[in-house]
Amino acid sequence: MAGQGNSLRAIFFALGANFSIFVAKLVAALITGSGAMLAEAVHSLADCGNQLLLLLGIRQAKRPPSPDYPLGYGKAVYFWSFLVALMLFSVGGMFSLYEGIHKLSSDEPLKSPWIAVGVLAFGIIVESISMRACMIEVNKARGNRSLWQWFRQSRQAELVVIFGEDLAALLGLTFALFAVGLAMWTGNPIWDAIGTLAIGALLIIVAVFISIEVKAMLIGQSVDSTIRSEMRAFLEQRAEIAEVYNLLTLQLGNDVMVSVKARMQESVSALAMIGDINKVEREFRARFPAVRFSFFEPDNSDHEEKNPE
């Protein structure tokens, strides 16, 4: 069964990896005087900013409900995740494409290629560590689903973003190392330009996929279909409920809102029925602890069109 991955752990590993790579690139830039390496250092520093934005989103999502925001601030993490996807597209992808196009029109040989190889190899090692930590959390969340199914169905925006970022970073560093190696072997700097263009295209593709998934969460998705089916089965098995007419769920970051319309079993009084509803809600929350807001409507018929399950 699907669960929840520890997003904070994955974010801190990614932040540590990106900061380590930033320091390595900065040192290489200071040693070689390479403007390109300095630009790459700034790029890695921007990646650190992405993780800080995700941490900000998680913190804001924990704010309590208010009169203006009666369902809380849980969806704040979706906004910041979407912003990170935009930054990955612009600062990452578009900047890399610009650099690649610029390098295509230049026949200047690589500066200090062995230092570049060392930095890239170091980057692959630390990004692999970050990716491994991320995959541990993803595997907790995806259960027996494939990675693609989890990516499309997950409601943890920050974990989706970190997974996409780590995957793009690891593949990008591998592309870069391969491109630099070809440029050194052939003596033709055009391979470095082609590698940079490939990295830009990769970042843009990953950013677009992340944006599509996070946009759906921003608009307002239900809980994961598997969990929704479990919720309905739980309600239908309750002795207090005769028939479940409607089950509406809404994912609010890590919190969930649930609205139920059902026909209750015959009760001796209205107070007894209220007691039954309270008991069902109490045990429903115990079974599904992510449920923060629940609304229960007893009725004797369903005149409204049922939601698709």
Foldseek 3Di string as FASTA:
>chain_A
DFDFFDLVQLLVLLLVLLQVLLVLLVVVCVVQVDPVSPLVSVLSVVVNVLSVLLVVQVVQQPDAADPVRNVGQLLSSLVSLLVSLVCLLPSNQVVLLVVLVVLQPDFDADTPLVSVLVSLVSSLVSLVVSLVSLVVRLCNRQPPDDPVVCLQQPLQLSSNSSNLVSVLSNVLSVLQNVLSVVCVVVVTNNSNSVSSNVSSVSSNVSSVSSNVRSVVLSVWDFHGPVVVVVLLVLVPPDQQFDFWQEWGWTDRNLAIEIETETATDDDPDPVVNVVVVVVSVVVSCVVPVSYDHYHYHYDDDDPDDYDDD
